[in-house]
Amino acid sequence: MKSKWMEMSTINKVVLVVRIVLSIVIIVLALLQIWGVMKSAINYTMPLLGVYFVILSIQEWKTQRGYALFSIGVALFIFIVAFVVWFGK
Protein backbone atom coordinates (compact mmCIF):
# COMPACT_ATOMS: atom_id res chain seq x y z
CA MET A 1 0.00 0.00 0.00
CA LYS A 2 2.82 2.39 0.81
CA SER A 3 4.42 2.07 -2.60
CA LYS A 4 1.06 2.46 -4.35
CA TRP A 5 0.31 5.57 -2.27
CA MET A 6 3.62 7.10 -3.29
CA GLU A 7 2.86 6.42 -6.97
CA MET A 8 -0.52 8.18 -6.86
CA SER A 9 -0.85 11.75 -8.04
CA THR A 10 -1.79 14.47 -5.58
CA ILE A 11 -5.30 14.86 -6.97
CA ASN A 12 -5.94 11.12 -6.65
CA LYS A 13 -4.76 11.23 -3.04
CA VAL A 14 -7.12 14.11 -2.29
CA VAL A 15 -10.05 12.35 -3.98
CA LEU A 16 -9.35 9.15 -2.05
CA VAL A 17 -9.25 10.99 1.29
CA VAL A 18 -12.49 12.82 0.44
CA ARG A 19 -14.14 9.49 -0.43
CA ILE A 20 -13.06 7.99 2.89
CA VAL A 21 -14.29 10.98 4.91
CA LEU A 22 -17.56 11.03 2.97
CA SER A 23 -18.03 7.30 3.62
CA ILE A 24 -17.57 7.80 7.35
CA VAL A 25 -20.07 10.68 7.40
CA ILE A 26 -22.63 8.61 5.46
CA ILE A 27 -22.23 5.66 7.84
CA VAL A 28 -22.60 7.89 10.92
CA LEU A 29 -25.71 9.58 9.50
CA ALA A 30 -27.22 6.21 8.59
CA LEU A 31 -26.63 4.92 12.11
CA LEU A 32 -28.18 8.05 13.60
CA GLN A 33 -31.23 7.51 11.41
CA ILE A 34 -31.48 3.82 12.31
CA TRP A 35 -31.14 4.47 16.04
CA GLY A 36 -33.72 7.25 15.90
CA VAL A 37 -31.36 9.91 17.23
CA MET A 38 -31.71 12.14 14.18
CA LYS A 39 -35.01 11.74 12.37
CA SER A 40 -34.01 13.79 9.31
CA ALA A 41 -30.60 12.19 8.72
CA ILE A 42 -31.85 10.55 5.53
CA ASN A 43 -32.31 14.02 4.03
CA TYR A 44 -28.55 14.51 4.31
CA THR A 45 -27.52 10.94 3.55
CA MET A 46 -29.17 10.70 0.12
CA PRO A 47 -27.39 13.68 -1.48
CA LEU A 48 -24.10 12.67 0.13
CA LEU A 49 -24.45 9.23 -1.46
CA GLY A 50 -24.98 10.91 -4.81
CA VAL A 51 -21.86 13.03 -4.32
CA TYR A 52 -19.96 9.90 -3.28
CA PHE A 53 -20.89 8.12 -6.51
CA VAL A 54 -19.95 11.14 -8.61
CA ILE A 55 -16.53 11.26 -6.92
CA LEU A 56 -16.19 7.50 -7.42
CA SER A 57 -16.94 7.82 -11.12
CA ILE A 58 -14.39 10.62 -11.51
CA GLN A 59 -11.73 8.52 -9.83
CA GLU A 60 -12.48 5.39 -11.87
CA TRP A 61 -12.98 7.11 -15.25
CA LYS A 62 -9.54 6.29 -16.69
CA THR A 63 -9.26 2.71 -15.49
CA GLN A 64 -12.82 1.32 -15.48
CA ARG A 65 -15.05 3.32 -17.78
CA GLY A 66 -18.06 1.01 -17.50
CA TYR A 67 -17.95 1.13 -13.72
CA ALA A 68 -17.69 4.92 -13.85
CA LEU A 69 -20.71 5.21 -16.15
CA PHE A 70 -22.70 2.94 -13.85
CA SER A 71 -21.71 5.13 -10.88
CA ILE A 72 -22.91 8.23 -12.73
CA GLY A 73 -26.23 6.49 -13.41
CA VAL A 74 -26.60 5.57 -9.76
CA ALA A 75 -25.77 9.14 -8.72
CA LEU A 76 -28.39 10.53 -11.11
CA PHE A 77 -30.98 8.10 -9.76
CA ILE A 78 -30.18 9.12 -6.17
CA PHE A 79 -30.40 12.82 -7.01
CA ILE A 80 -33.74 12.35 -8.81
CA VAL A 81 -35.18 10.39 -5.88
CA ALA A 82 -33.92 13.01 -3.41
CA PHE A 83 -35.48 15.77 -5.52
CA VAL A 84 -38.82 13.95 -5.65
CA VAL A 85 -38.76 13.25 -1.91
CA TRP A 86 -37.92 16.85 -1.00
CA PHE A 87 -40.18 18.69 -3.40
CA GLY A 88 -42.89 16.09 -3.91
CA LYS A 89 -44.46 16.72 -0.52
PDB file of N, CA and C in Angstrom:
ATOM      1  N   MET A   1       0.827  -1.192   0.000  1.00  0.00           N
ATOM      2  CA  MET A   1       0.000   0.000   0.000  1.00  0.00           C
ATOM      3  C   MET A   1       0.865   1.247   0.000  1.00  0.00           C
ATOM      4  N   LYS A   2       1.978   1.202   0.721  1.00  0.00           N
ATOM      5  CA  LYS A   2       2.818   2.391   0.809  1.00  0.00           C
ATOM      6  C   LYS A   2       3.388   2.757  -0.557  1.00  0.00           C
ATOM      7  N   SER A   3       3.854   1.771  -1.292  1.00  0.00           N
ATOM      8  CA  SER A   3       4.421   2.074  -2.602  1.00  0.00           C
ATOM      9  C   SER A   3       3.338   2.564  -3.567  1.00  0.00           C
ATOM     10  N   LYS A   4       2.141   2.011  -3.484  1.00  0.00           N
ATOM     11  CA  LYS A   4       1.060   2.460  -4.353  1.00  0.00           C
ATOM     12  C   LYS A   4       0.641   3.884  -3.986  1.00  0.00           C
ATOM     13  N   TRP A   5       0.646   4.211  -2.706  1.00  0.00           N
ATOM     14  CA  TRP A   5       0.308   5.568  -2.268  1.00  0.00           C
ATOM     15  C   TRP A   5       1.317   6.568  -2.809  1.00  0.00           C
ATOM     16  N   MET A   6       2.579   6.202  -2.797  1.00  0.00           N
ATOM     17  CA  MET A   6       3.618   7.105  -3.294  1.00  0.00           C
ATOM     18  C   MET A   6       3.525   7.306  -4.810  1.00  0.00           C
ATOM     19  N   GLU A   7       2.985   6.322  -5.519  1.00  0.00           N
ATOM     20  CA  GLU A   7       2.864   6.417  -6.971  1.00  0.00           C
ATOM     21  C   GLU A   7       1.653   7.242  -7.405  1.00  0.00           C
ATOM     22  N   MET A   8       0.699   7.447  -6.509  1.00  0.00           N
ATOM     23  CA  MET A   8      -0.520   8.181  -6.859  1.00  0.00           C
ATOM     24  C   MET A   8      -0.229   9.669  -7.006  1.00  0.00           C
ATOM     25  N   SER A   9      -0.984  10.305  -7.895  1.00  0.00           N
ATOM     26  CA  SER A   9      -0.850  11.753  -8.043  1.00  0.00           C
ATOM     27  C   SER A   9      -1.529  12.446  -6.862  1.00  0.00           C
ATOM     28  N   THR A  10      -1.237  13.714  -6.699  1.00  0.00           N
ATOM     29  CA  THR A  10      -1.786  14.469  -5.575  1.00  0.00           C
ATOM     30  C   THR A  10      -3.305  14.549  -5.652  1.00  0.00           C
ATOM     31  N   ILE A  11      -3.845  14.752  -6.830  1.00  0.00           N
ATOM     32  CA  ILE A  11      -5.298  14.857  -6.972  1.00  0.00           C
ATOM     33  C   ILE A  11      -5.976  13.540  -6.632  1.00  0.00           C
ATOM     34  N   ASN A  12      -5.365  12.417  -7.000  1.00  0.00           N
ATOM     35  CA  ASN A  12      -5.938  11.118  -6.651  1.00  0.00           C
ATOM     36  C   ASN A  12      -5.890  10.875  -5.153  1.00  0.00           C
ATOM     37  N   LYS A  13      -4.842  11.346  -4.501  1.00  0.00           N
ATOM     38  CA  LYS A  13      -4.761  11.227  -3.045  1.00  0.00           C
ATOM     39  C   LYS A  13      -5.863  12.034  -2.374  1.00  0.00           C
ATOM     40  N   VAL A  14      -6.080  13.246  -2.858  1.00  0.00           N
ATOM     41  CA  VAL A  14      -7.122  14.106  -2.288  1.00  0.00           C
ATOM     42  C   VAL A  14      -8.496  13.478  -2.493  1.00  0.00           C
ATOM     43  N   VAL A  15      -8.754  12.969  -3.688  1.00  0.00           N
ATOM     44  CA  VAL A  15     -10.046  12.351  -3.982  1.00  0.00           C
ATOM     45  C   VAL A  15     -10.261  11.124  -3.106  1.00  0.00           C
ATOM     46  N   LEU A  16      -9.233  10.334  -2.895  1.00  0.00           N
ATOM     47  CA  LEU A  16      -9.347   9.152  -2.046  1.00  0.00           C
ATOM     48  C   LEU A  16      -9.660   9.534  -0.606  1.00  0.00           C
ATOM     49  N   VAL A  17      -8.991  10.543  -0.087  1.00  0.00           N
ATOM     50  CA  VAL A  17      -9.247  10.989   1.286  1.00  0.00           C
ATOM     51  C   VAL A  17     -10.667  11.541   1.410  1.00  0.00           C
ATOM     52  N   VAL A  18     -11.122  12.295   0.416  1.00  0.00           N
ATOM     53  CA  VAL A  18     -12.491  12.822   0.437  1.00  0.00           C
ATOM     54  C   VAL A  18     -13.498  11.675   0.415  1.00  0.00           C
ATOM     55  N   ARG A  19     -13.239  10.655  -0.389  1.00  0.00           N
ATOM     56  CA  ARG A  19     -14.137   9.491  -0.428  1.00  0.00           C
ATOM     57  C   ARG A  19     -14.211   8.801   0.921  1.00  0.00           C
ATOM     58  N   ILE A  20     -13.075   8.653   1.589  1.00  0.00           N
ATOM     59  CA  ILE A  20     -13.059   7.989   2.892  1.00  0.00           C
ATOM     60  C   ILE A  20     -13.831   8.809   3.921  1.00  0.00           C
ATOM     61  N   VAL A  21     -13.587  10.111   3.955  1.00  0.00           N
ATOM     62  CA  VAL A  21     -14.294  10.978   4.905  1.00  0.00           C
ATOM     63  C   VAL A  21     -15.794  10.971   4.617  1.00  0.00           C
ATOM     64  N   LEU A  22     -16.155  11.044   3.355  1.00  0.00           N
ATOM     65  CA  LEU A  22     -17.562  11.025   2.970  1.00  0.00           C
ATOM     66  C   LEU A  22     -18.218   9.701   3.360  1.00  0.00           C
ATOM     67  N   SER A  23     -17.504   8.606   3.215  1.00  0.00           N
ATOM     68  CA  SER A  23     -18.032   7.304   3.617  1.00  0.00           C
ATOM     69  C   SER A  23     -18.306   7.258   5.112  1.00  0.00           C
ATOM     70  N   ILE A  24     -17.388   7.788   5.894  1.00  0.00           N
ATOM     71  CA  ILE A  24     -17.567   7.800   7.350  1.00  0.00           C
ATOM     72  C   ILE A  24     -18.780   8.646   7.731  1.00  0.00           C
ATOM     73  N   VAL A  25     -18.923   9.806   7.107  1.00  0.00           N
ATOM     74  CA  VAL A  25     -20.067  10.679   7.396  1.00  0.00           C
ATOM     75  C   VAL A  25     -21.378   9.986   7.027  1.00  0.00           C
ATOM     76  N   ILE A  26     -21.414   9.314   5.891  1.00  0.00           N
ATOM     77  CA  ILE A  26     -22.627   8.612   5.458  1.00  0.00           C
ATOM     78  C   ILE A  26     -22.977   7.499   6.435  1.00  0.00           C
ATOM     79  N   ILE A  27     -21.986   6.749   6.886  1.00  0.00           N
ATOM     80  CA  ILE A  27     -22.233   5.665   7.843  1.00  0.00           C
ATOM     81  C   ILE A  27     -22.753   6.215   9.161  1.00  0.00           C
ATOM     82  N   VAL A  28     -22.148   7.294   9.653  1.00  0.00           N
ATOM     83  CA  VAL A  28     -22.597   7.891  10.916  1.00  0.00           C
ATOM     84  C   VAL A  28     -24.034   8.393  10.791  1.00  0.00           C
ATOM     85  N   LEU A  29     -24.343   9.087   9.699  1.00  0.00           N
ATOM     86  CA  LEU A  29     -25.711   9.576   9.505  1.00  0.00           C
ATOM     87  C   LEU A  29     -26.715   8.430   9.380  1.00  0.00           C
ATOM     88  N   ALA A  30     -26.327   7.362   8.706  1.00  0.00           N
ATOM     89  CA  ALA A  30     -27.219   6.209   8.585  1.00  0.00           C
ATOM     90  C   ALA A  30     -27.479   5.578   9.950  1.00  0.00           C
ATOM     91  N   LEU A  31     -26.442   5.471  10.767  1.00  0.00           N
ATOM     92  CA  LEU A  31     -26.626   4.919  12.112  1.00  0.00           C
ATOM     93  C   LEU A  31     -27.505   5.823  12.969  1.00  0.00           C
ATOM     94  N   LEU A  32     -27.323   7.126  12.854  1.00  0.00           N
ATOM     95  CA  LEU A  32     -28.176   8.053  13.601  1.00  0.00           C
ATOM     96  C   LEU A  32     -29.636   7.922  13.182  1.00  0.00           C
ATOM     97  N   GLN A  33     -29.867   7.703  11.898  1.00  0.00           N
ATOM     98  CA  GLN A  33     -31.234   7.510  11.410  1.00  0.00           C
ATOM     99  C   GLN A  33     -31.803   6.190  11.923  1.00  0.00           C
ATOM    100  N   ILE A  34     -31.014   5.136  11.875  1.00  0.00           N
ATOM    101  CA  ILE A  34     -31.483   3.817  12.313  1.00  0.00           C
ATOM    102  C   ILE A  34     -31.799   3.817  13.800  1.00  0.00           C
ATOM    103  N   TRP A  35     -30.949   4.440  14.593  1.00  0.00           N
ATOM    104  CA  TRP A  35     -31.145   4.468  16.045  1.00  0.00           C
ATOM    105  C   TRP A  35     -32.202   5.471  16.482  1.00  0.00           C
ATOM    106  N   GLY A  36     -32.681   6.293  15.575  1.00  0.00           N
ATOM    107  CA  GLY A  36     -33.718   7.253  15.902  1.00  0.00           C
ATOM    108  C   GLY A  36     -33.222   8.507  16.593  1.00  0.00           C
ATOM    109  N   VAL A  37     -31.925   8.729  16.590  1.00  0.00           N
ATOM    110  CA  VAL A  37     -31.357   9.913  17.229  1.00  0.00           C
ATOM    111  C   VAL A  37     -31.640  11.152  16.393  1.00  0.00           C
ATOM    112  N   MET A  38     -31.496  11.015  15.097  1.00  0.00           N
ATOM    113  CA  MET A  38     -31.706  12.143  14.183  1.00  0.00           C
ATOM    114  C   MET A  38     -32.721  11.707  13.132  1.00  0.00           C
ATOM    115  N   LYS A  39     -33.927  12.201  13.240  1.00  0.00           N
ATOM    116  CA  LYS A  39     -35.010  11.744  12.368  1.00  0.00           C
ATOM    117  C   LYS A  39     -34.831  12.175  10.915  1.00  0.00           C
ATOM    118  N   SER A  40     -34.146  13.280  10.680  1.00  0.00           N
ATOM    119  CA  SER A  40     -34.007  13.786   9.310  1.00  0.00           C
ATOM    120  C   SER A  40     -32.640  13.478   8.702  1.00  0.00           C
ATOM    121  N   ALA A  41     -31.939  12.503   9.232  1.00  0.00           N
ATOM    122  CA  ALA A  41     -30.602  12.186   8.720  1.00  0.00           C
ATOM    123  C   ALA A  41     -30.645  11.691   7.281  1.00  0.00           C
ATOM    124  N   ILE A  42     -31.742  11.059   6.899  1.00  0.00           N
ATOM    125  CA  ILE A  42     -31.849  10.552   5.532  1.00  0.00           C
ATOM    126  C   ILE A  42     -31.844  11.688   4.520  1.00  0.00           C
ATOM    127  N   ASN A  43     -32.315  12.864   4.933  1.00  0.00           N
ATOM    128  CA  ASN A  43     -32.310  14.018   4.030  1.00  0.00           C
ATOM    129  C   ASN A  43     -30.895  14.475   3.703  1.00  0.00           C
ATOM    130  N   TYR A  44     -29.951  14.182   4.563  1.00  0.00           N
ATOM    131  CA  TYR A  44     -28.552  14.513   4.310  1.00  0.00           C
ATOM    132  C   TYR A  44     -27.807  13.339   3.677  1.00  0.00           C
ATOM    133  N   THR A  45     -28.222  12.133   4.021  1.00  0.00           N
ATOM    134  CA  THR A  45     -27.524  10.941   3.546  1.00  0.00           C
ATOM    135  C   THR A  45     -27.709  10.732   2.045  1.00  0.00           C
ATOM    136  N   MET A  46     -28.904  10.944   1.549  1.00  0.00           N
ATOM    137  CA  MET A  46     -29.166  10.698   0.123  1.00  0.00           C
ATOM    138  C   MET A  46     -28.308  11.568  -0.795  1.00  0.00           C
ATOM    139  N   PRO A  47     -28.259  12.883  -0.602  1.00  0.00           N
ATOM    140  CA  PRO A  47     -27.390  13.684  -1.479  1.00  0.00           C
ATOM    141  C   PRO A  47     -25.907  13.362  -1.303  1.00  0.00           C
ATOM    142  N   LEU A  48     -25.503  13.031  -0.081  1.00  0.00           N
ATOM    143  CA  LEU A  48     -24.100  12.669   0.133  1.00  0.00           C
ATOM    144  C   LEU A  48     -23.746  11.386  -0.609  1.00  0.00           C
ATOM    145  N   LEU A  49     -24.685  10.444  -0.668  1.00  0.00           N
ATOM    146  CA  LEU A  49     -24.452   9.232  -1.457  1.00  0.00           C
ATOM    147  C   LEU A  49     -24.295   9.563  -2.934  1.00  0.00           C
ATOM    148  N   GLY A  50     -25.108  10.482  -3.420  1.00  0.00           N
ATOM    149  CA  GLY A  50     -24.977  10.914  -4.811  1.00  0.00           C
ATOM    150  C   GLY A  50     -23.626  11.539  -5.084  1.00  0.00           C
ATOM    151  N   VAL A  51     -23.184  12.400  -4.176  1.00  0.00           N
ATOM    152  CA  VAL A  51     -21.862  13.027  -4.317  1.00  0.00           C
ATOM    153  C   VAL A  51     -20.772  11.967  -4.267  1.00  0.00           C
ATOM    154  N   TYR A  52     -20.941  10.977  -3.387  1.00  0.00           N
ATOM    155  CA  TYR A  52     -19.961   9.895  -3.280  1.00  0.00           C
ATOM    156  C   TYR A  52     -19.832   9.153  -4.612  1.00  0.00           C
ATOM    157  N   PHE A  53     -20.945   8.849  -5.243  1.00  0.00           N
ATOM    158  CA  PHE A  53     -20.890   8.118  -6.509  1.00  0.00           C
ATOM    159  C   PHE A  53     -20.321   8.967  -7.641  1.00  0.00           C
ATOM    160  N   VAL A  54     -20.564  10.264  -7.610  1.00  0.00           N
ATOM    161  CA  VAL A  54     -19.949  11.143  -8.612  1.00  0.00           C
ATOM    162  C   VAL A  54     -18.435  11.155  -8.434  1.00  0.00           C
ATOM    163  N   ILE A  55     -17.973  11.276  -7.196  1.00  0.00           N
ATOM    164  CA  ILE A  55     -16.529  11.256  -6.923  1.00  0.00           C
ATOM    165  C   ILE A  55     -15.933   9.915  -7.326  1.00  0.00           C
ATOM    166  N   LEU A  56     -16.653   8.836  -7.041  1.00  0.00           N
ATOM    167  CA  LEU A  56     -16.191   7.501  -7.420  1.00  0.00           C
ATOM    168  C   LEU A  56     -16.057   7.378  -8.932  1.00  0.00           C
ATOM    169  N   SER A  57     -17.014   7.913  -9.666  1.00  0.00           N
ATOM    170  CA  SER A  57     -16.937   7.823 -11.125  1.00  0.00           C
ATOM    171  C   SER A  57     -15.790   8.657 -11.680  1.00  0.00           C
ATOM    172  N   ILE A  58     -15.525   9.803 -11.069  1.00  0.00           N
ATOM    173  CA  ILE A  58     -14.388  10.622 -11.507  1.00  0.00           C
ATOM    174  C   ILE A  58     -13.080   9.879 -11.288  1.00  0.00           C
ATOM    175  N   GLN A  59     -12.970   9.221 -10.144  1.00  0.00           N
ATOM    176  CA  GLN A  59     -11.729   8.522  -9.830  1.00  0.00           C
ATOM    177  C   GLN A  59     -11.528   7.291 -10.718  1.00  0.00           C
ATOM    178  N   GLU A  60     -12.596   6.632 -11.098  1.00  0.00           N
ATOM    179  CA  GLU A  60     -12.481   5.392 -11.866  1.00  0.00           C
ATOM    180  C   GLU A  60     -12.583   5.598 -13.377  1.00  0.00           C
ATOM    181  N   TRP A  61     -12.720   6.838 -13.844  1.00  0.00           N
ATOM    182  CA  TRP A  61     -12.983   7.106 -15.253  1.00  0.00           C
ATOM    183  C   TRP A  61     -11.889   6.566 -16.171  1.00  0.00           C
ATOM    184  N   LYS A  62     -10.632   6.715 -15.804  1.00  0.00           N
ATOM    185  CA  LYS A  62      -9.539   6.291 -16.693  1.00  0.00           C
ATOM    186  C   LYS A  62      -9.333   4.785 -16.698  1.00  0.00           C
ATOM    187  N   THR A  63      -9.581   4.126 -15.581  1.00  0.00           N
ATOM    188  CA  THR A  63      -9.263   2.706 -15.493  1.00  0.00           C
ATOM    189  C   THR A  63     -10.452   1.803 -15.792  1.00  0.00           C
ATOM    190  N   GLN A  64     -11.640   2.167 -15.305  1.00  0.00           N
ATOM    191  CA  GLN A  64     -12.816   1.317 -15.484  1.00  0.00           C
ATOM    192  C   GLN A  64     -13.991   2.174 -15.946  1.00  0.00           C
ATOM    193  N   ARG A  65     -14.060   2.403 -17.225  1.00  0.00           N
ATOM    194  CA  ARG A  65     -15.048   3.323 -17.784  1.00  0.00           C
ATOM    195  C   ARG A  65     -16.477   2.828 -17.569  1.00  0.00           C
ATOM    196  N   GLY A  66     -16.716   1.539 -17.705  1.00  0.00           N
ATOM    197  CA  GLY A  66     -18.065   1.006 -17.497  1.00  0.00           C
ATOM    198  C   GLY A  66     -18.540   1.188 -16.068  1.00  0.00           C
ATOM    199  N   TYR A  67     -17.652   0.943 -15.137  1.00  0.00           N
ATOM    200  CA  TYR A  67     -17.954   1.134 -13.719  1.00  0.00           C
ATOM    201  C   TYR A  67     -18.238   2.601 -13.425  1.00  0.00           C
ATOM    202  N   ALA A  68     -17.488   3.489 -14.047  1.00  0.00           N
ATOM    203  CA  ALA A  68     -17.687   4.925 -13.852  1.00  0.00           C
ATOM    204  C   ALA A  68     -19.038   5.366 -14.409  1.00  0.00           C
ATOM    205  N   LEU A  69     -19.409   4.864 -15.574  1.00  0.00           N
ATOM    206  CA  LEU A  69     -20.708   5.212 -16.149  1.00  0.00           C
ATOM    207  C   LEU A  69     -21.856   4.691 -15.290  1.00  0.00           C
ATOM    208  N   PHE A  70     -21.692   3.489 -14.754  1.00  0.00           N
ATOM    209  CA  PHE A  70     -22.703   2.945 -13.846  1.00  0.00           C
ATOM    210  C   PHE A  70     -22.818   3.808 -12.594  1.00  0.00           C
ATOM    211  N   SER A  71     -21.694   4.268 -12.068  1.00  0.00           N
ATOM    212  CA  SER A  71     -21.706   5.133 -10.884  1.00  0.00           C
ATOM    213  C   SER A  71     -22.411   6.453 -11.170  1.00  0.00           C
ATOM    214  N   ILE A  72     -22.214   6.996 -12.357  1.00  0.00           N
ATOM    215  CA  ILE A  72     -22.913   8.230 -12.735  1.00  0.00           C
ATOM    216  C   ILE A  72     -24.420   7.981 -12.813  1.00  0.00           C
ATOM    217  N   GLY A  73     -24.804   6.840 -13.359  1.00  0.00           N
ATOM    218  CA  GLY A  73     -26.226   6.494 -13.414  1.00  0.00           C
ATOM    219  C   GLY A  73     -26.844   6.352 -12.034  1.00  0.00           C
ATOM    220  N   VAL A  74     -26.122   5.712 -11.132  1.00  0.00           N
ATOM    221  CA  VAL A  74     -26.603   5.571  -9.756  1.00  0.00           C
ATOM    222  C   VAL A  74     -26.717   6.938  -9.091  1.00  0.00           C
ATOM    223  N   ALA A  75     -25.736   7.794  -9.301  1.00  0.00           N
ATOM    224  CA  ALA A  75     -25.774   9.137  -8.716  1.00  0.00           C
ATOM    225  C   ALA A  75     -26.971   9.924  -9.246  1.00  0.00           C
ATOM    226  N   LEU A  76     -27.229   9.841 -10.539  1.00  0.00           N
ATOM    227  CA  LEU A  76     -28.394  10.528 -11.111  1.00  0.00           C
ATOM    228  C   LEU A  76     -29.697  10.005 -10.518  1.00  0.00           C
ATOM    229  N   PHE A  77     -29.789   8.694 -10.363  1.00  0.00           N
ATOM    230  CA  PHE A  77     -30.980   8.101  -9.759  1.00  0.00           C
ATOM    231  C   PHE A  77     -31.173   8.603  -8.331  1.00  0.00           C
ATOM    232  N   ILE A  78     -30.099   8.650  -7.562  1.00  0.00           N
ATOM    233  CA  ILE A  78     -30.181   9.121  -6.175  1.00  0.00           C
ATOM    234  C   ILE A  78     -30.605  10.583  -6.129  1.00  0.00           C
ATOM    235  N   PHE A  79     -30.029  11.408  -6.999  1.00  0.00           N
ATOM    236  CA  PHE A  79     -30.396  12.824  -7.011  1.00  0.00           C
ATOM    237  C   PHE A  79     -31.859  13.023  -7.423  1.00  0.00           C
ATOM    238  N   ILE A  80     -32.340  12.241  -8.385  1.00  0.00           N
ATOM    239  CA  ILE A  80     -33.741  12.346  -8.810  1.00  0.00           C
ATOM    240  C   ILE A  80     -34.673  11.938  -7.676  1.00  0.00           C
ATOM    241  N   VAL A  81     -34.353  10.840  -7.005  1.00  0.00           N
ATOM    242  CA  VAL A  81     -35.184  10.392  -5.882  1.00  0.00           C
ATOM    243  C   VAL A  81     -35.167  11.426  -4.761  1.00  0.00           C
ATOM    244  N   ALA A  82     -34.004  11.979  -4.460  1.00  0.00           N
ATOM    245  CA  ALA A  82     -33.920  13.005  -3.414  1.00  0.00           C
ATOM    246  C   ALA A  82     -34.752  14.226  -3.793  1.00  0.00           C
ATOM    247  N   PHE A  83     -34.697  14.625  -5.048  1.00  0.00           N
ATOM    248  CA  PHE A  83     -35.478  15.771  -5.518  1.00  0.00           C
ATOM    249  C   PHE A  83     -36.974  15.502  -5.377  1.00  0.00           C
ATOM    250  N   VAL A  84     -37.399  14.307  -5.759  1.00  0.00           N
ATOM    251  CA  VAL A  84     -38.817  13.946  -5.655  1.00  0.00           C
ATOM    252  C   VAL A  84     -39.251  13.897  -4.195  1.00  0.00           C
ATOM    253  N   VAL A  85     -38.416  13.349  -3.331  1.00  0.00           N
ATOM    254  CA  VAL A  85     -38.765  13.254  -1.909  1.00  0.00           C
ATOM    255  C   VAL A  85     -38.864  14.640  -1.286  1.00  0.00           C
ATOM    256  N   TRP A  86     -37.915  15.515  -1.603  1.00  0.00           N
ATOM    257  CA  TRP A  86     -37.916  16.851  -0.999  1.00  0.00           C
ATOM    258  C   TRP A  86     -39.046  17.722  -1.503  1.00  0.00           C
ATOM    259  N   PHE A  87     -39.239  17.749  -2.816  1.00  0.00           N
ATOM    260  CA  PHE A  87     -40.184  18.692  -3.400  1.00  0.00           C
ATOM    261  C   PHE A  87     -41.516  18.054  -3.782  1.00  0.00           C
ATOM    262  N   GLY A  88     -41.649  16.765  -3.575  1.00  0.00           N
ATOM    263  CA  GLY A  88     -42.887  16.085  -3.910  1.00  0.00           C
ATOM    264  C   GLY A  88     -43.916  16.130  -2.798  1.00  0.00           C
ATOM    265  N   LYS A  89     -43.548  16.690  -1.673  1.00  0.00           N
ATOM    266  CA  LYS A  89     -44.459  16.722  -0.522  1.00  0.00           C
ATOM    267  C   LYS A  89     -45.478  17.812  -0.656  1.00  0.00           C
TER     268      LYS A  89
END
